[in-house]
């Protein structure tokens, strides 16, 4: 019987996760044993997903927006760090039942490393305050940044993230809202977009912040991967910034999830990356503007 691994979130139409996971399963010769597929669920159906996993109908799951925090109402956090960060993108089963962990932080860290970026000592601006932002902040704190500022549409969520960060580290963390004026990019060395603004959909032509030629000193990271060149990254490239798109984060977090579900280390990361880039090229993600 084929074991199902599912992707749960909303929206899912533009997700490339099925492409890269099924590429890996084929490369490993496991495509008849496992199948990765999207599963559209409403928030009230998450409990049913967990029940299906506990009863063996689903082998594993990726959780994407907007359920990365909500899912923790239904599963055990894998460890104290997961419980503290309160962001989950991977579900699996062990002796405790259905367990949730996050591979987003691992994906983000490996993407920085392969682009020769070391954030130690940097002042970093985080755009957004969802589950991905939680994982990113936790990683940046562990890598020794100097200071973090969280800029979000609603102050409440930004303050919740600041509280989480203070529980992890004594590194200074500030919070502000999109409605506040006076955000000076000259005081930062890195910007990380953790919002969906710029994603292929009705958000495609939007950006959480504007980059000008005065900001050429910045490293700009966008977790959005479709299109590869979002409005934010196009502005950053024009300004002369070093940029990192979301493809590396996606591939590395997916590979880490596969390591958990398959219990093996030989995940074909480069095959996954190549399949992702081919699919994005075919969909016009390199040329969208």
Protein backbone atom coordinates (compact mmCIF):
# COMPACT_ATOMS: atom_id res chain seq x y z
CA UNK A 1 0.00 0.00 0.00
CA UNK A 2 1.30 3.46 -0.92
CA UNK A 3 1.98 5.67 2.09
CA UNK A 4 0.56 9.18 1.80
CA UNK A 5 2.49 12.29 2.76
CA UNK A 6 0.39 15.44 2.46
CA UNK A 7 0.81 19.19 2.21
CA UNK A 8 -1.79 21.09 4.22
CA UNK A 9 -2.39 24.85 3.96
CA UNK A 10 -4.15 27.58 2.04
CA UNK A 11 -3.55 28.55 -0.71
CA UNK A 12 -1.84 25.52 -2.27
CA UNK A 13 -2.31 26.15 -6.01
CA UNK A 14 1.14 27.68 -6.49
CA UNK A 15 3.07 25.34 -4.19
CA UNK A 16 6.04 23.51 -5.69
CA UNK A 17 6.39 21.17 -2.70
CA UNK A 18 4.76 18.19 -4.48
CA UNK A 19 7.22 18.58 -7.38
CA UNK A 20 10.35 18.53 -5.25
CA UNK A 21 9.23 15.85 -2.79
CA UNK A 22 8.05 13.46 -5.50
CA UNK A 23 11.29 14.09 -7.42
CA UNK A 24 13.23 12.97 -4.34
CA UNK A 25 11.03 9.90 -3.87
CA UNK A 26 11.60 8.87 -7.51
CA UNK A 27 15.35 9.41 -7.24
CA UNK A 28 15.43 7.20 -4.14
CA UNK A 29 13.30 4.51 -5.79
CA UNK A 30 10.52 5.07 -3.26
CA UNK A 31 7.87 6.53 -5.57
CA UNK A 32 5.76 3.37 -5.40
CA UNK A 33 5.99 3.19 -1.62
CA UNK A 34 5.31 6.87 -0.88
CA UNK A 35 3.25 9.59 -2.55
CA UNK A 36 3.35 13.31 -1.68
CA UNK A 37 0.20 15.28 -2.49
CA UNK A 38 -1.60 18.52 -1.57
CA UNK A 39 -4.55 18.23 0.78
CA UNK A 40 -6.79 21.29 1.07
CA UNK A 41 -8.26 21.50 4.57
CA UNK A 42 -10.06 24.10 6.62
CA UNK A 43 -8.77 24.94 10.08
CA UNK A 44 -11.54 22.96 11.74
CA UNK A 45 -10.40 19.86 9.82
CA UNK A 46 -6.89 19.78 11.30
CA UNK A 47 -7.99 17.46 14.10
CA UNK A 48 -9.15 14.99 11.46
CA UNK A 49 -5.74 15.15 9.78
CA UNK A 50 -4.05 14.26 13.06
CA UNK A 51 -6.51 11.42 13.61
CA UNK A 52 -5.78 10.05 10.14
CA UNK A 53 -2.07 10.11 10.95
CA UNK A 54 -2.50 8.41 14.32
CA UNK A 55 -4.57 5.67 12.67
CA UNK A 56 -2.05 5.12 9.88
CA UNK A 57 -3.97 6.51 6.92
CA UNK A 58 -1.43 9.33 6.45
CA UNK A 59 2.32 8.77 7.01
CA UNK A 60 3.43 12.39 7.39
CA UNK A 61 2.45 15.97 6.67
CA UNK A 62 3.87 19.35 5.83
CA UNK A 63 1.96 22.29 7.31
CA UNK A 64 2.12 25.63 5.58
CA UNK A 65 0.37 28.97 6.06
CA UNK A 66 -1.91 29.75 7.76
CA UNK A 67 -1.78 26.70 10.08
CA UNK A 68 1.82 26.55 11.35
CA UNK A 69 0.88 27.77 14.81
CA UNK A 70 -2.70 26.53 14.95
CA UNK A 71 -1.66 22.90 14.38
CA UNK A 72 0.04 22.85 17.80
CA UNK A 73 -3.41 22.69 19.38
CA UNK A 74 -3.65 19.15 18.01
CA UNK A 75 -0.15 17.62 18.19
CA UNK A 76 2.75 17.18 20.61
CA UNK A 77 5.69 19.56 20.07
CA UNK A 78 8.79 17.52 19.24
CA UNK A 79 10.90 19.25 21.87
CA UNK A 80 11.13 22.28 24.17
CA UNK A 81 12.44 24.47 21.36
CA UNK A 82 9.39 23.72 19.18
CA UNK A 83 7.09 24.38 22.13
CA UNK A 84 8.79 27.74 22.69
CA UNK A 85 8.94 28.88 19.06
CA UNK A 86 5.37 27.65 18.41
CA UNK A 87 5.78 27.08 14.69
CA UNK A 88 5.42 23.67 13.05
CA UNK A 89 5.75 22.68 9.39
CA UNK A 90 6.35 18.91 9.70
CA UNK A 91 4.23 16.21 11.34
CA UNK A 92 5.37 12.65 12.01
CA UNK A 93 4.49 9.80 14.34
CA UNK A 94 6.51 8.35 17.21
CA UNK A 95 5.80 6.60 20.50
CA UNK A 96 4.20 9.80 21.88
CA UNK A 97 1.70 9.96 19.01
CA UNK A 98 1.58 12.63 16.30
CA UNK A 99 4.48 15.04 16.76
CA UNK A 100 5.15 18.45 15.23
CA UNK A 101 8.48 20.09 14.48
CA UNK A 102 9.80 22.78 12.15
CA UNK A 103 12.38 22.40 9.40
CA UNK A 104 11.94 26.02 8.27
CA UNK A 105 14.82 27.21 10.45
CA UNK A 106 17.14 24.55 9.07
CA UNK A 107 16.15 25.50 5.51
CA UNK A 108 16.77 29.19 6.20
CA UNK A 109 20.17 28.59 7.84
CA UNK A 110 21.40 26.31 5.05
CA UNK A 111 20.25 28.81 2.43
CA UNK A 112 22.26 31.57 4.11
CA UNK A 113 25.30 29.31 4.37
CA UNK A 114 25.29 28.27 0.70
CA UNK A 115 25.11 31.97 -0.24
CA UNK A 116 28.13 32.76 1.98
CA UNK A 117 26.08 34.91 4.35
CA UNK A 118 26.94 35.02 8.04
CA UNK A 119 24.47 37.20 9.97
CA UNK A 120 26.61 37.36 13.12
CA UNK A 121 26.76 40.94 14.35
CA UNK A 122 24.10 42.18 11.93
CA UNK A 123 21.05 44.29 12.67
CA UNK A 124 18.20 42.42 10.98
CA UNK A 125 14.74 43.59 9.95
CA UNK A 126 12.07 40.87 9.88
CA UNK A 127 8.99 41.59 7.78
CA UNK A 128 5.99 39.62 9.04
CA UNK A 129 5.15 37.78 12.23
CA UNK A 130 3.76 34.40 11.20
CA UNK A 131 5.08 30.88 11.65
CA UNK A 132 7.97 31.31 9.20
CA UNK A 133 9.08 34.49 10.98
CA UNK A 134 9.16 32.59 14.29
CA UNK A 135 11.51 29.96 12.86
CA UNK A 136 13.72 32.56 11.16
CA UNK A 137 14.06 34.66 14.30
CA UNK A 138 15.02 31.63 16.39
CA UNK A 139 17.77 30.74 13.90
CA UNK A 140 19.09 34.31 13.68
CA UNK A 141 19.30 34.52 17.46
CA UNK A 142 21.30 31.28 17.52
CA UNK A 143 23.66 32.67 14.87
CA UNK A 144 24.57 35.71 16.94
CA UNK A 145 22.89 38.68 15.28
CA UNK A 146 23.34 42.02 16.99
CA UNK A 147 19.70 43.10 17.01
CA UNK A 148 16.34 42.24 15.44
CA UNK A 149 13.43 44.49 14.53
CA UNK A 150 10.05 42.90 13.72
CA UNK A 151 7.86 44.95 11.38
CA UNK A 152 4.32 43.62 10.99
CA UNK A 153 0.84 44.68 9.96
CA UNK A 154 -0.50 44.16 13.49
CA UNK A 155 1.42 45.10 16.61
CA UNK A 156 -0.02 42.27 18.72
CA UNK A 157 1.64 39.55 16.63
CA UNK A 158 4.92 41.47 16.51
CA UNK A 159 4.89 41.77 20.30
CA UNK A 160 4.20 38.03 20.65
CA UNK A 161 7.27 37.31 18.56
CA UNK A 162 9.33 39.73 20.61
CA UNK A 163 8.24 37.89 23.75
CA UNK A 164 9.26 34.57 22.18
CA UNK A 165 12.65 35.99 21.21
CA UNK A 166 13.26 37.31 24.73
CA UNK A 167 12.57 33.82 26.09
CA UNK A 168 15.33 32.46 23.82
CA UNK A 169 17.99 35.15 24.05
CA UNK A 170 18.87 38.50 25.59
CA UNK A 171 19.67 39.95 22.15
CA UNK A 172 17.62 43.17 21.71
CA UNK A 173 14.40 42.76 19.72
CA UNK A 174 12.09 45.62 18.75
CA UNK A 175 8.56 45.58 17.33
CA UNK A 176 6.74 48.02 15.06
CA UNK A 177 3.74 48.07 12.73
CA UNK A 178 3.35 48.77 9.04
CA UNK A 179 1.35 51.85 9.99
CA UNK A 180 4.28 53.52 11.73
CA UNK A 181 6.39 55.99 9.80
CA UNK A 182 10.11 56.44 10.13
CA UNK A 183 11.47 52.96 9.36
CA UNK A 184 15.05 53.76 8.34
CA UNK A 185 16.71 50.95 6.42
CA UNK A 186 20.14 52.54 6.89
CA UNK A 187 20.25 51.06 10.41
CA UNK A 188 19.99 47.45 9.15
CA UNK A 189 22.35 45.08 7.35
CA UNK A 190 19.78 42.41 6.47
CA UNK A 191 16.07 42.27 5.62
CA UNK A 192 14.10 39.01 5.62
CA UNK A 193 10.63 38.97 4.08
CA UNK A 194 8.48 36.40 5.89
CA UNK A 195 5.18 37.66 4.46
CA UNK A 196 3.39 36.26 1.38
CA UNK A 197 3.54 39.65 -0.36
CA UNK A 198 5.00 39.15 -3.83
CA UNK A 199 3.74 35.57 -4.19
CA UNK A 200 2.23 34.47 -7.52
CA UNK A 201 -1.44 35.30 -6.99
CA UNK A 202 -3.24 38.57 -6.38
CA UNK A 203 -0.22 39.43 -4.17
CA UNK A 204 2.27 39.22 -7.04
CA UNK A 205 2.66 42.96 -7.59
CA UNK A 206 2.89 43.82 -3.90
CA UNK A 207 5.91 44.32 -1.67
CA UNK A 208 6.12 44.71 2.13
CA UNK A 209 8.70 47.48 1.82
CA UNK A 210 10.48 49.48 -0.88
CA UNK A 211 14.23 49.40 -1.52
CA UNK A 212 16.07 52.38 -3.02
CA UNK A 213 19.61 52.98 -4.30
CA UNK A 214 20.48 54.31 -0.85
CA UNK A 215 20.06 50.76 0.49
CA UNK A 216 22.82 49.02 -1.51
CA UNK A 217 24.51 47.86 1.73
CA UNK A 218 21.65 45.45 2.52
CA UNK A 219 21.39 41.70 2.24
CA UNK A 220 17.76 41.07 1.20
CA UNK A 221 16.25 37.62 1.72
CA UNK A 222 12.76 36.78 0.47
CA UNK A 223 11.14 33.50 1.54
CA UNK A 224 8.75 33.74 -1.41
CA UNK A 225 10.02 31.48 -4.23
CA UNK A 226 7.28 31.82 -6.87
CA UNK A 227 8.05 34.08 -8.63
CA UNK A 228 11.77 33.85 -7.97
CA UNK A 229 12.21 37.58 -8.54
CA UNK A 230 9.55 39.27 -6.43
CA UNK A 231 8.98 43.01 -6.52
CA UNK A 232 11.11 43.25 -3.36
CA UNK A 233 14.04 41.37 -4.89
CA UNK A 234 13.83 43.24 -8.18
CA UNK A 235 14.06 46.54 -6.31
CA UNK A 236 16.94 45.18 -4.23
CA UNK A 237 18.85 44.01 -7.33
CA UNK A 238 18.37 47.41 -8.96
CA UNK A 239 19.71 49.05 -5.79
CA UNK A 240 22.81 46.84 -5.84
CA UNK A 241 21.95 44.69 -2.80
CA UNK A 242 23.01 41.09 -2.31
CA UNK A 243 19.81 39.04 -2.62
CA UNK A 244 18.67 35.53 -1.68
CA UNK A 245 15.43 34.13 -3.11
CA UNK A 246 13.23 31.55 -1.44
CA UNK A 247 14.20 28.50 -3.52
CA UNK A 248 17.06 27.41 -1.27
CA UNK A 249 14.94 27.68 1.86
CA UNK A 250 12.19 25.61 0.24
CA UNK A 251 14.53 22.86 -0.97
CA UNK A 252 16.47 22.55 2.28
CA UNK A 253 13.43 22.52 4.56
CA UNK A 254 11.82 19.91 2.29
CA UNK A 255 14.94 17.74 2.39
CA UNK A 256 14.99 17.91 6.18
CA UNK A 257 11.32 16.86 6.34
CA UNK A 258 12.12 13.87 4.12
CA UNK A 259 14.96 12.87 6.43
CA UNK A 260 12.45 12.73 9.27
CA UNK A 261 9.75 10.76 7.42
CA UNK A 262 12.09 8.34 5.63
CA UNK A 263 14.67 8.03 8.45
CA UNK A 264 17.57 8.30 6.04
CA UNK A 265 20.19 10.92 5.27
CA UNK A 266 20.83 10.44 1.54
CA UNK A 267 18.22 12.93 0.33
CA UNK A 268 18.96 14.13 -3.26
CA UNK A 269 18.95 17.85 -2.55
CA UNK A 270 20.40 18.91 -5.90
CA UNK A 271 17.90 16.81 -7.85
CA UNK A 272 15.14 18.50 -5.86
CA UNK A 273 16.58 21.94 -6.60
CA UNK A 274 16.90 21.19 -10.32
CA UNK A 275 13.29 19.97 -10.50
CA UNK A 276 12.10 23.10 -8.71
CA UNK A 277 13.97 25.43 -11.05
CA UNK A 278 12.69 23.57 -14.13
CA UNK A 279 9.12 23.83 -12.91
CA UNK A 280 9.48 27.50 -12.03
CA UNK A 281 11.04 28.21 -15.42
CA UNK A 282 8.17 26.44 -17.18
CA UNK A 283 5.64 28.44 -15.20
CA UNK A 284 7.31 31.76 -16.07
CA UNK A 285 8.51 32.44 -12.53
CA UNK A 286 11.88 33.69 -13.81
CA UNK A 287 10.33 36.31 -16.02
CA UNK A 288 7.26 37.52 -14.10
CA UNK A 289 7.13 41.26 -13.60
